[in-house]
Amino acid sequence: MAATPQNAAPLKPLHGMPLVLLTIAVAFSTFMEVLDMTIVNVSVPHIAGSLAVSPNEGTWAISSYSLASAIMQPLTGWIARRFGEVRTFVISVLLFVLFSMFCGMATTMPMLVFGRLMQGAGSGPMVALSLTLLLSSYPKERQGVALAMWAMTVVIAPIFGPILGGWITDNYSWPWIFYINAPVGLLAALITWTLLHKRETKTARTPIDAVGLILLIAGVGCLQFMLDNGNDHDWFNSPLILSLGLIAVVCLTFLVVWEIHAKHPVIDLSLFKKRNFTVGVISLSLGMFAFFGINVVFPLWLQTTLNYTATWAGLAAAPSGVLAFLLSPIIGRNMHKIDLRILVTLAFVIFAGTSYWFSTFDSAASFGTLIVPRFVMGLAIPCFFIPLNQIYLSGLPASEIASASGLSNFFRTLGSSVSTAVMVTLWQHRGIYHHASLTEYVNNGTPASSQYLDKLSHLGLSATQKLGYINQIVDREGYTLAVNDVFYGCAVLFVLLLPVLWFARPPFGSAGGGAGH
């Protein structure tokens, strides 16, 4: 087909309008895929009601997608080597569109879960290959801009997902959160194939590592299911969650051992022999753990404790996207002028500072007060994502970019999944603890309590109503103190991550511009 002959000279980078069109197509397909991880979140109650299931069962629409996507991401390198990067990307986009339409037409929960599984499986290679295709199409000196454009879409999409999801669900109906993918995806696939089908990468008929694939599916599948459902089943007090955890540990341990010795591994773990790749992926995963934790707990606290609507909670979270959007191209264009470790250090300092700032808020904080640190946090986002992508790709040959990008995306996704489970559980447990602590002060023996109970008596409330009213206040303050604890913990984690980055070794050069060229 369009595969490049083994002895052909490397093709020149794209320039002008073709490069602009490709960047838009690839950026929008990435945006669409990452958006779909969060757009469904606010629509779960509507989906559950429409399909006559409980909201807990409705969350399967989220977990089934992230499960399939997480399994497929580390397979990106093998699939791309087998079928070619351009062909794999275009088919991935088309499968994503096809199963988006299927999800929109779902009339039962099993039908929707199947659609989301297939949509996630189709989308798995999309994000990793979008970065690979951009880097191979841009001139060396402008690859920082390509990284910036890619990182910008990955960062902005989760911020706008809940707002867009809430708006579409409120004004139209939930199937439209899936239907909107069709025009974007089809256009992205058409533009990418038109521009790149003659620039297909070399393919090799490597056999499938069946044992590695089975261990990967079982290990990641059990881990993801455990993380998504652990909180509802009281974690390891549940035999189901305990069994899933043990299976995940056993399968993933055997997977690592098997892949190290396999002749044709399904995941290229030899990448971890590269110092910069290892340091970059550790920093990205743990940084994502703390960053995502803030972004999960913040809107939850606003909606469940401060009575914000989904749309207003989304608007309170959105300001962090403003500076990220404006600064990404500037940082991308000037990355070669500064030590990238300094940029990421700056990001971690700002993240730590804003996380600590959040930990000082009480339940009376106004909307205006809450959005200021979110706005400042936007400074750190491009300084975190863009340089780290460059660091872990530095020194890698072009042939390894797809595998490296797929593997790092897998750990980024895993960091997000673990963070969601851990932070929500931590918040709820600390909320119960603070509720119990505060209740000790609510008795007739304390002057403040006596005065407050007297005030409530003047309002004509019965004893039961008074206790119910006070319990609501204690609940609100308890969960606010709990969210302060979570933010403080994230601030500490960002500070602890500061020295990790400095184990990376310059030069970081152009992404994918190291050995092998």
Protein backbone atom coordinates (compact mmCIF):
# COMPACT_ATOMS: atom_id res chain seq x y z
CA MET A 1 0.00 0.00 0.00
CA ALA A 2 1.44 3.39 0.94
CA ALA A 3 4.22 2.02 3.13
CA THR A 4 7.58 3.64 2.61
CA PRO A 5 10.15 1.31 1.06
CA GLN A 6 12.85 0.20 3.50
CA ASN A 7 15.60 2.03 1.59
CA ALA A 8 13.67 5.25 0.83
CA ALA A 9 15.10 8.58 1.89
CA PRO A 10 13.28 10.20 4.83
CA LEU A 11 10.49 12.53 3.72
CA LYS A 12 10.80 16.25 4.31
CA PRO A 13 8.68 17.82 7.07
CA LEU A 14 5.39 19.48 6.09
CA HIS A 15 5.21 23.26 5.71
CA GLY A 16 2.58 25.96 5.27
CA MET A 17 -1.14 25.15 4.98
CA PRO A 18 -0.75 21.31 4.99
CA LEU A 19 1.07 21.56 8.35
CA VAL A 20 -1.61 23.90 9.76
CA LEU A 21 -4.41 21.55 8.59
CA LEU A 22 -2.68 18.47 10.00
CA THR A 23 -2.10 20.21 13.36
CA ILE A 24 -5.79 21.18 13.57
CA ALA A 25 -6.96 17.66 12.58
CA VAL A 26 -4.65 15.87 15.01
CA ALA A 27 -5.26 18.37 17.83
CA PHE A 28 -9.05 18.05 17.49
CA SER A 29 -8.94 14.25 17.44
CA THR A 30 -6.82 14.30 20.62
CA PHE A 31 -9.13 16.89 22.19
CA MET A 32 -12.15 14.73 21.32
CA GLU A 33 -10.64 11.57 22.83
CA VAL A 34 -9.50 13.19 26.10
CA LEU A 35 -12.78 15.14 26.30
CA ASP A 36 -14.73 11.86 26.22
CA MET A 37 -13.02 10.75 29.44
CA THR A 38 -14.65 13.62 31.36
CA ILE A 39 -17.70 14.77 29.34
CA VAL A 40 -19.76 11.78 30.52
CA ASN A 41 -19.06 12.45 34.23
CA VAL A 42 -21.71 15.14 34.73
CA SER A 43 -24.24 13.29 32.54
CA VAL A 44 -24.23 10.05 34.58
CA PRO A 45 -27.45 10.87 36.52
CA HIS A 46 -29.29 11.64 33.24
CA ILE A 47 -27.93 8.50 31.52
CA ALA A 48 -28.83 6.32 34.54
CA GLY A 49 -32.37 7.76 34.67
CA SER A 50 -32.90 7.38 30.93
CA LEU A 51 -31.73 3.73 30.90
CA ALA A 52 -33.53 2.86 34.18
CA VAL A 53 -30.43 1.97 36.24
CA SER A 54 -28.94 3.36 39.47
CA PRO A 55 -26.35 6.18 39.31
CA ASN A 56 -23.75 3.67 40.60
CA GLU A 57 -24.46 1.43 37.60
CA GLY A 58 -24.39 4.56 35.42
CA THR A 59 -20.70 5.07 36.28
CA TRP A 60 -19.97 1.94 34.22
CA ALA A 61 -20.25 4.29 31.24
CA ILE A 62 -17.08 5.99 32.56
CA SER A 63 -15.13 2.98 33.84
CA SER A 64 -15.70 0.77 30.76
CA TYR A 65 -14.20 3.48 28.52
CA SER A 66 -11.12 4.13 30.68
CA LEU A 67 -10.59 0.38 31.10
CA ALA A 68 -10.42 -0.35 27.36
CA SER A 69 -8.38 2.80 26.65
CA ALA A 70 -5.85 1.94 29.40
CA ILE A 71 -5.33 -1.57 27.98
CA MET A 72 -4.83 -0.34 24.40
CA GLN A 73 -2.40 2.52 25.15
CA PRO A 74 0.69 0.40 25.88
CA LEU A 75 -0.11 -1.73 22.78
CA THR A 76 0.22 1.34 20.54
CA GLY A 77 3.87 0.66 19.63
CA TRP A 78 3.21 -2.94 18.53
CA ILE A 79 0.05 -2.06 16.54
CA ALA A 80 1.82 0.85 14.80
CA ARG A 81 4.82 -1.33 13.84
CA ARG A 82 2.48 -4.00 12.49
CA PHE A 83 0.10 -1.81 10.45
CA GLY A 84 1.87 1.57 10.09
CA GLU A 85 1.39 4.72 12.20
CA VAL A 86 -0.81 6.66 9.75
CA ARG A 87 -3.12 3.73 9.01
CA THR A 88 -3.43 2.85 12.73
CA PHE A 89 -4.25 6.45 13.67
CA VAL A 90 -6.92 6.89 10.96
CA ILE A 91 -8.59 3.53 11.74
CA SER A 92 -8.45 4.41 15.46
CA VAL A 93 -10.28 7.71 14.79
CA LEU A 94 -12.90 5.99 12.56
CA LEU A 95 -13.56 3.25 15.16
CA PHE A 96 -13.92 5.95 17.81
CA VAL A 97 -16.52 7.78 15.66
CA LEU A 98 -18.41 4.57 14.80
CA PHE A 99 -18.77 3.49 18.43
CA SER A 100 -19.56 7.06 19.55
CA MET A 101 -22.64 6.85 17.29
CA PHE A 102 -23.40 3.39 18.72
CA CYS A 103 -23.24 4.82 22.29
CA GLY A 104 -25.63 7.64 21.36
CA MET A 105 -28.14 5.11 20.03
CA ALA A 106 -27.88 2.79 23.07
CA THR A 107 -31.25 1.89 24.59
CA THR A 108 -30.01 -0.33 27.45
CA MET A 109 -27.11 -0.12 29.91
CA PRO A 110 -25.34 -3.29 28.60
CA MET A 111 -25.54 -1.80 25.08
CA LEU A 112 -23.98 1.48 26.28
CA VAL A 113 -21.24 -0.31 28.26
CA PHE A 114 -20.35 -2.41 25.19
CA GLY A 115 -20.25 0.75 23.04
CA ARG A 116 -18.03 2.55 25.56
CA LEU A 117 -15.68 -0.46 25.78
CA MET A 118 -15.28 -0.52 22.00
CA GLN A 119 -15.00 3.28 21.85
CA GLY A 120 -12.20 3.17 24.45
CA ALA A 121 -10.43 0.32 22.63
CA GLY A 122 -10.61 2.25 19.35
CA SER A 123 -9.32 5.44 20.96
CA GLY A 124 -6.38 3.84 22.83
CA PRO A 125 -3.69 4.40 20.16
CA MET A 126 -5.14 7.76 19.08
CA VAL A 127 -3.55 10.08 21.65
CA ALA A 128 -0.08 8.48 21.54
CA LEU A 129 0.03 8.40 17.72
CA SER A 130 -1.27 11.96 17.43
CA LEU A 131 1.94 13.14 19.14
CA THR A 132 4.08 10.80 17.01
CA LEU A 133 2.53 12.04 13.73
CA LEU A 134 2.92 15.69 14.73
CA LEU A 135 6.59 15.27 15.67
CA SER A 136 7.41 13.43 12.42
CA SER A 137 5.64 16.12 10.32
CA TYR A 138 7.19 19.21 11.96
CA PRO A 139 10.71 20.51 11.15
CA LYS A 140 13.21 19.72 13.94
CA GLU A 141 13.51 23.34 15.06
CA ARG A 142 9.73 23.65 15.52
CA GLN A 143 9.02 20.38 17.32
CA GLY A 144 8.66 22.28 20.60
CA VAL A 145 5.63 24.03 19.07
CA ALA A 146 4.20 20.62 18.02
CA LEU A 147 4.61 19.38 21.61
CA ALA A 148 2.94 22.54 22.91
CA MET A 149 -0.06 22.20 20.58
CA TRP A 150 -0.48 18.54 21.57
CA ALA A 151 -0.09 19.15 25.32
CA MET A 152 -2.50 22.09 25.16
CA THR A 153 -5.33 19.88 23.84
CA VAL A 154 -4.62 17.14 26.42
CA VAL A 155 -4.72 19.72 29.23
CA ILE A 156 -7.68 21.85 28.11
CA ALA A 157 -10.05 18.98 27.25
CA PRO A 158 -10.55 17.66 30.82
CA ILE A 159 -11.27 21.22 32.01
CA PHE A 160 -13.96 21.89 29.39
CA GLY A 161 -15.38 18.33 29.42
CA PRO A 162 -17.66 18.81 32.46
CA ILE A 163 -18.85 22.26 31.28
CA LEU A 164 -19.64 21.04 27.76
CA GLY A 165 -21.18 17.80 29.07
CA GLY A 166 -23.42 19.69 31.51
CA TRP A 167 -24.49 22.25 28.90
CA ILE A 168 -25.32 19.65 26.23
CA THR A 169 -27.20 17.44 28.72
CA ASP A 170 -29.18 20.38 30.13
CA ASN A 171 -30.06 21.93 26.77
CA TYR A 172 -30.38 18.89 24.48
CA SER A 173 -30.10 15.25 25.65
CA TRP A 174 -27.26 12.96 26.72
CA PRO A 175 -26.85 11.08 23.35
CA TRP A 176 -25.56 14.35 21.86
CA ILE A 177 -22.38 14.15 24.00
CA PHE A 178 -21.52 11.19 21.74
CA TYR A 179 -22.96 12.46 18.44
CA ILE A 180 -20.77 15.60 18.46
CA ASN A 181 -17.73 13.33 17.93
CA ALA A 182 -18.88 12.30 14.44
CA PRO A 183 -18.19 15.47 12.36
CA VAL A 184 -14.93 16.22 14.24
CA GLY A 185 -13.62 12.66 13.92
CA LEU A 186 -14.56 12.16 10.26
CA LEU A 187 -12.94 15.47 9.27
CA ALA A 188 -9.78 14.65 11.29
CA ALA A 189 -9.49 11.19 9.68
CA LEU A 190 -10.03 12.59 6.15
CA ILE A 191 -7.43 15.38 6.53
CA THR A 192 -4.84 13.09 8.18
CA TRP A 193 -5.18 10.35 5.52
CA THR A 194 -5.10 12.87 2.63
CA LEU A 195 -1.91 14.52 3.91
CA LEU A 196 -0.02 11.54 5.31
CA HIS A 197 -1.01 8.34 3.44
CA LYS A 198 2.10 8.66 1.24
CA ARG A 199 4.26 9.12 4.34
CA GLU A 200 3.35 5.79 5.97
CA THR A 201 5.97 4.31 8.32
CA LYS A 202 7.75 1.00 7.76
CA THR A 203 5.77 -2.04 8.86
CA ALA A 204 7.01 -5.37 10.17
CA ARG A 205 5.06 -8.61 10.58
CA THR A 206 6.05 -9.24 14.20
CA PRO A 207 4.11 -12.08 15.86
CA ILE A 208 1.67 -11.21 18.62
CA ASP A 209 2.90 -11.91 22.15
CA ALA A 210 -0.26 -13.78 23.24
CA VAL A 211 0.89 -14.46 26.83
CA GLY A 212 1.88 -10.81 27.33
CA LEU A 213 -1.43 -9.62 25.86
CA ILE A 214 -3.52 -11.89 28.14
CA LEU A 215 -1.52 -10.82 31.23
CA LEU A 216 -1.92 -7.15 30.23
CA ILE A 217 -5.71 -7.41 29.72
CA ALA A 218 -6.23 -9.38 32.95
CA GLY A 219 -3.88 -7.23 35.06
CA VAL A 220 -4.99 -3.79 33.85
CA GLY A 221 -8.65 -4.88 33.63
CA CYS A 222 -8.75 -6.05 37.25
CA LEU A 223 -6.79 -3.01 38.45
CA GLN A 224 -9.07 -0.53 36.66
CA PHE A 225 -12.24 -2.32 37.85
CA MET A 226 -10.88 -2.35 41.42
CA LEU A 227 -10.08 1.39 41.32
CA ASP A 228 -13.46 2.34 39.82
CA ASN A 229 -15.57 0.25 42.21
CA GLY A 230 -13.43 0.03 45.37
CA ASN A 231 -15.02 3.01 47.10
CA ASP A 232 -18.57 1.67 46.61
CA HIS A 233 -17.58 -1.75 48.04
CA ASP A 234 -15.58 -0.43 51.06
CA TRP A 235 -12.29 -1.38 49.44
CA PHE A 236 -10.43 -4.41 50.83
CA ASN A 237 -13.25 -5.30 53.23
CA SER A 238 -14.96 -6.62 50.10
CA PRO A 239 -13.90 -10.11 48.91
CA LEU A 240 -14.51 -8.98 45.29
CA ILE A 241 -12.17 -5.97 45.53
CA LEU A 242 -9.55 -8.00 47.41
CA SER A 243 -9.64 -10.73 44.73
CA LEU A 244 -9.35 -8.17 41.93
CA GLY A 245 -6.38 -6.53 43.68
CA LEU A 246 -4.55 -9.86 44.09
CA ILE A 247 -5.20 -10.87 40.45
CA ALA A 248 -3.96 -7.45 39.26
CA VAL A 249 -0.73 -7.71 41.32
CA VAL A 250 -0.01 -11.29 40.18
CA CYS A 251 -0.77 -10.63 36.48
CA LEU A 252 1.16 -7.33 36.30
CA THR A 253 4.19 -8.84 38.13
CA PHE A 254 4.26 -11.79 35.71
CA LEU A 255 3.73 -9.35 32.80
CA VAL A 256 6.90 -7.40 33.69
CA VAL A 257 8.98 -10.59 34.04
CA TRP A 258 7.56 -12.05 30.79
CA GLU A 259 7.98 -8.88 28.71
CA ILE A 260 11.63 -8.44 29.76
CA HIS A 261 12.48 -11.87 28.34
CA ALA A 262 9.97 -12.07 25.42
CA LYS A 263 11.45 -12.13 21.90
CA HIS A 264 8.63 -9.92 20.50
CA PRO A 265 7.22 -8.12 23.59
CA VAL A 266 3.79 -6.53 23.32
CA ILE A 267 5.07 -3.67 25.55
CA ASP A 268 8.60 -2.37 25.13
CA LEU A 269 9.81 -2.21 28.75
CA SER A 270 13.41 -1.73 27.58
CA LEU A 271 12.49 1.98 27.31
CA PHE A 272 12.92 2.15 31.11
CA LYS A 273 16.64 1.54 30.61
CA LYS A 274 16.72 5.13 29.29
CA ARG A 275 17.30 7.42 32.27
CA ASN A 276 15.34 10.40 30.92
CA PHE A 277 12.36 8.24 29.95
CA THR A 278 12.19 6.72 33.46
CA VAL A 279 12.57 10.07 35.28
CA GLY A 280 10.09 11.78 32.91
CA VAL A 281 7.42 9.08 33.26
CA ILE A 282 7.76 8.93 37.09
CA SER A 283 7.44 12.74 37.32
CA LEU A 284 4.52 12.78 34.88
CA SER A 285 2.63 9.94 36.63
CA LEU A 286 3.06 11.23 40.20
CA GLY A 287 2.53 14.84 39.12
CA MET A 288 -0.66 13.75 37.32
CA PHE A 289 -1.73 11.86 40.48
CA ALA A 290 -1.64 15.09 42.53
CA PHE A 291 -2.94 17.37 39.74
CA PHE A 292 -5.87 15.10 38.88
CA GLY A 293 -6.70 14.65 42.57
CA ILE A 294 -7.24 18.40 42.90
CA ASN A 295 -9.40 18.47 39.76
CA VAL A 296 -11.59 15.56 40.94
CA VAL A 297 -12.19 16.62 44.55
CA PHE A 298 -12.65 20.38 43.89
CA PRO A 299 -15.89 20.12 41.79
CA LEU A 300 -17.17 17.27 44.02
CA TRP A 301 -16.78 19.48 47.09
CA LEU A 302 -18.49 22.41 45.34
CA GLN A 303 -21.50 20.30 44.27
CA THR A 304 -22.02 18.07 47.32
CA THR A 305 -21.01 20.48 50.11
CA LEU A 306 -21.48 24.04 48.81
CA ASN A 307 -24.54 23.22 46.64
CA TYR A 308 -23.09 24.38 43.31
CA THR A 309 -24.77 23.11 40.13
CA ALA A 310 -22.71 20.99 37.69
CA THR A 311 -22.40 23.96 35.31
CA TRP A 312 -21.20 26.38 38.03
CA ALA A 313 -18.77 23.80 39.43
CA GLY A 314 -17.39 23.45 35.89
CA LEU A 315 -17.11 27.24 35.56
CA ALA A 316 -15.25 27.44 38.90
CA ALA A 317 -12.73 24.87 37.63
CA ALA A 318 -12.35 26.40 34.14
CA PRO A 319 -10.08 29.44 34.85
CA SER A 320 -7.03 27.16 35.07
CA GLY A 321 -7.38 26.65 31.32
CA VAL A 322 -7.00 30.35 30.44
CA LEU A 323 -3.27 30.86 31.11
CA ALA A 324 -2.54 27.27 30.04
CA PHE A 325 -4.09 28.00 26.65
CA LEU A 326 -2.26 31.33 26.21
CA LEU A 327 1.17 30.21 27.46
CA SER A 328 1.44 26.79 25.77
CA PRO A 329 2.56 28.08 22.32
CA ILE A 330 5.02 30.56 23.91
CA ILE A 331 6.65 27.87 26.07
CA GLY A 332 6.72 25.44 23.12
CA ARG A 333 8.47 28.00 20.91
CA ASN A 334 11.13 28.86 23.52
CA MET A 335 11.83 25.48 25.16
CA HIS A 336 15.26 25.15 23.53
CA LYS A 337 16.41 28.34 25.32
CA ILE A 338 15.96 27.07 28.90
CA ASP A 339 16.78 24.03 31.02
CA LEU A 340 13.50 22.07 30.97
CA ARG A 341 14.07 20.90 34.56
CA ILE A 342 13.77 24.54 35.70
CA LEU A 343 10.39 24.86 33.92
CA VAL A 344 8.99 21.70 35.55
CA THR A 345 10.40 22.77 38.94
CA LEU A 346 8.56 26.10 38.52
CA ALA A 347 5.37 24.14 37.69
CA PHE A 348 5.67 21.99 40.83
CA VAL A 349 6.31 25.09 43.00
CA ILE A 350 3.19 26.83 41.60
CA PHE A 351 1.11 23.65 41.96
CA ALA A 352 2.32 23.26 45.57
CA GLY A 353 1.57 26.93 46.32
CA THR A 354 -1.95 26.91 44.83
CA SER A 355 -2.75 23.55 46.49
CA TYR A 356 -1.73 25.02 49.84
CA TRP A 357 -3.80 28.15 49.03
CA PHE A 358 -6.86 25.91 48.46
CA SER A 359 -6.22 24.17 51.79
CA THR A 360 -6.87 27.48 53.62
CA PHE A 361 -10.42 28.04 52.31
CA ASP A 362 -13.52 27.62 54.48
CA SER A 363 -17.11 26.86 53.48
CA ALA A 364 -17.91 30.60 53.22
CA ALA A 365 -15.45 31.11 50.32
CA SER A 366 -17.09 33.03 47.47
CA PHE A 367 -17.00 32.06 43.79
CA GLY A 368 -14.61 34.97 43.14
CA THR A 369 -12.25 33.81 45.89
CA LEU A 370 -12.22 30.23 44.57
CA ILE A 371 -11.37 31.07 40.94
CA VAL A 372 -8.26 33.16 41.72
CA PRO A 373 -6.00 30.19 42.67
CA ARG A 374 -7.51 28.21 39.77
CA PHE A 375 -6.43 31.02 37.43
CA VAL A 376 -2.90 31.12 38.92
CA MET A 377 -2.65 27.32 38.61
CA GLY A 378 -2.94 27.82 34.83
CA LEU A 379 0.65 29.18 34.88
CA ALA A 380 1.95 25.78 35.97
CA ILE A 381 0.01 23.53 33.57
CA PRO A 382 2.02 24.18 30.35
CA CYS A 383 5.30 24.25 32.36
CA PHE A 384 4.42 20.77 33.61
CA PHE A 385 3.08 18.87 30.58
CA ILE A 386 5.11 20.28 27.68
CA PRO A 387 8.69 20.00 29.08
CA LEU A 388 8.01 16.56 30.61
CA ASN A 389 6.95 15.20 27.22
CA GLN A 390 10.19 16.54 25.76
CA ILE A 391 12.26 15.07 28.64
CA TYR A 392 10.96 11.51 28.37
CA LEU A 393 11.24 11.52 24.55
CA SER A 394 14.76 13.01 24.49
CA GLY A 395 17.42 10.78 22.99
CA LEU A 396 14.94 8.24 21.59
CA PRO A 397 15.08 7.23 17.90
CA ALA A 398 12.02 8.03 15.77
CA SER A 399 11.12 4.31 15.63
CA GLU A 400 10.57 4.24 19.41
CA ILE A 401 8.45 7.41 19.74
CA ALA A 402 5.10 5.59 19.29
CA SER A 403 5.97 2.97 21.94
CA ALA A 404 7.32 5.60 24.35
CA SER A 405 4.29 7.85 23.88
CA GLY A 406 1.87 4.93 24.32
CA LEU A 407 3.61 3.71 27.48
CA SER A 408 3.81 7.19 29.04
CA ASN A 409 0.13 7.83 28.21
CA PHE A 410 -0.72 4.55 29.93
CA PHE A 411 1.06 5.65 33.12
CA ARG A 412 -0.53 9.12 32.87
CA THR A 413 -3.99 7.49 32.61
CA LEU A 414 -3.14 5.11 35.45
CA GLY A 415 -2.01 8.06 37.60
CA SER A 416 -5.40 9.71 36.97
CA SER A 417 -7.38 6.54 37.76
CA VAL A 418 -5.48 5.79 40.98
CA SER A 419 -5.78 9.45 41.97
CA THR A 420 -9.58 9.47 41.50
CA ALA A 421 -9.97 6.39 43.70
CA VAL A 422 -7.49 7.46 46.40
CA MET A 423 -8.50 11.14 46.65
CA VAL A 424 -12.27 10.53 46.79
CA THR A 425 -11.80 7.79 49.44
CA LEU A 426 -9.41 9.99 51.44
CA TRP A 427 -11.83 12.93 51.26
CA GLN A 428 -14.78 10.81 52.47
CA HIS A 429 -12.82 9.17 55.29
CA ARG A 430 -11.40 12.51 56.49
CA GLY A 431 -14.93 13.98 56.23
CA ILE A 432 -16.27 11.28 58.58
CA TYR A 433 -13.32 11.84 60.96
CA HIS A 434 -13.83 15.65 61.07
CA HIS A 435 -17.61 15.21 61.48
CA ALA A 436 -16.99 13.04 64.55
CA SER A 437 -14.44 15.54 65.94
CA LEU A 438 -16.73 18.55 65.46
CA THR A 439 -19.73 16.73 66.98
CA GLU A 440 -17.84 16.54 70.30
CA TYR A 441 -18.17 20.36 70.58
CA VAL A 442 -21.93 20.38 69.95
CA ASN A 443 -23.44 20.07 73.44
CA ASN A 444 -25.09 22.28 76.02
CA GLY A 445 -21.81 22.46 77.96
CA THR A 446 -20.15 24.74 75.39
CA PRO A 447 -21.31 28.41 75.38
CA ALA A 448 -21.25 28.72 71.56
CA SER A 449 -23.48 25.65 71.13
CA SER A 450 -25.92 26.84 73.80
CA GLN A 451 -26.25 30.27 72.18
CA TYR A 452 -26.80 28.75 68.74
CA LEU A 453 -29.43 26.30 70.03
CA ASP A 454 -31.21 29.22 71.73
CA LYS A 455 -31.29 31.14 68.44
CA LEU A 456 -32.79 28.11 66.69
CA SER A 457 -35.43 27.81 69.44
CA HIS A 458 -36.57 31.38 68.68
CA LEU A 459 -37.19 30.28 65.07
CA GLY A 460 -39.74 27.78 66.36
CA LEU A 461 -37.79 24.64 65.38
CA SER A 462 -38.44 21.38 67.21
CA ALA A 463 -35.60 19.53 68.97
CA THR A 464 -35.30 17.07 66.04
CA GLN A 465 -35.26 19.89 63.48
CA LYS A 466 -32.59 21.74 65.47
CA LEU A 467 -30.35 18.66 65.58
CA GLY A 468 -30.92 18.02 61.86
CA TYR A 469 -30.00 21.63 61.05
CA ILE A 470 -26.84 21.47 63.19
CA ASN A 471 -25.91 18.12 61.65
CA GLN A 472 -26.03 19.75 58.18
CA ILE A 473 -23.65 22.49 59.35
CA VAL A 474 -21.28 19.95 60.96
CA ASP A 475 -21.39 17.91 57.74
CA ARG A 476 -20.52 20.94 55.62
CA GLU A 477 -17.65 22.01 57.86
CA GLY A 478 -16.37 18.43 58.24
CA TYR A 479 -16.18 17.86 54.49
CA THR A 480 -14.62 21.31 54.00
CA LEU A 481 -11.89 20.46 56.52
CA ALA A 482 -11.46 17.13 54.69
CA VAL A 483 -11.00 18.86 51.34
CA ASN A 484 -8.41 21.11 53.03
CA ASP A 485 -6.55 17.95 54.09
CA VAL A 486 -6.58 16.58 50.54
CA PHE A 487 -5.27 19.84 49.06
CA TYR A 488 -2.58 20.04 51.74
CA GLY A 489 -1.52 16.46 50.94
CA CYS A 490 -1.27 17.34 47.22
CA ALA A 491 0.89 20.37 48.09
CA VAL A 492 3.26 18.11 50.08
CA LEU A 493 3.45 15.61 47.18
CA PHE A 494 4.39 18.38 44.71
CA VAL A 495 7.18 19.52 47.04
CA LEU A 496 8.48 15.92 47.37
CA LEU A 497 8.56 15.62 43.56
CA LEU A 498 10.92 18.62 43.17
CA PRO A 499 14.23 16.69 43.47
CA VAL A 500 13.07 13.76 41.25
CA LEU A 501 13.27 15.83 38.07
CA TRP A 502 16.89 16.71 38.57
CA PHE A 503 17.91 13.10 37.97
CA ALA A 504 17.13 13.70 34.26
CA ARG A 505 20.24 14.36 32.21
CA PRO A 506 20.50 17.08 29.51
CA PRO A 507 20.70 17.71 26.61
CA PHE A 508 16.98 17.30 25.98
CA GLY A 509 17.21 18.53 22.38
CA SER A 510 14.38 17.97 19.92
CA ALA A 511 11.88 15.28 20.82
CA GLY A 512 12.83 12.05 19.21
CA GLY A 513 16.01 13.55 17.94
CA GLY A 514 18.56 11.43 19.71
CA ALA A 515 20.32 8.22 18.89
CA GLY A 516 19.14 6.31 15.91
CA HIS A 517 19.01 9.19 13.43
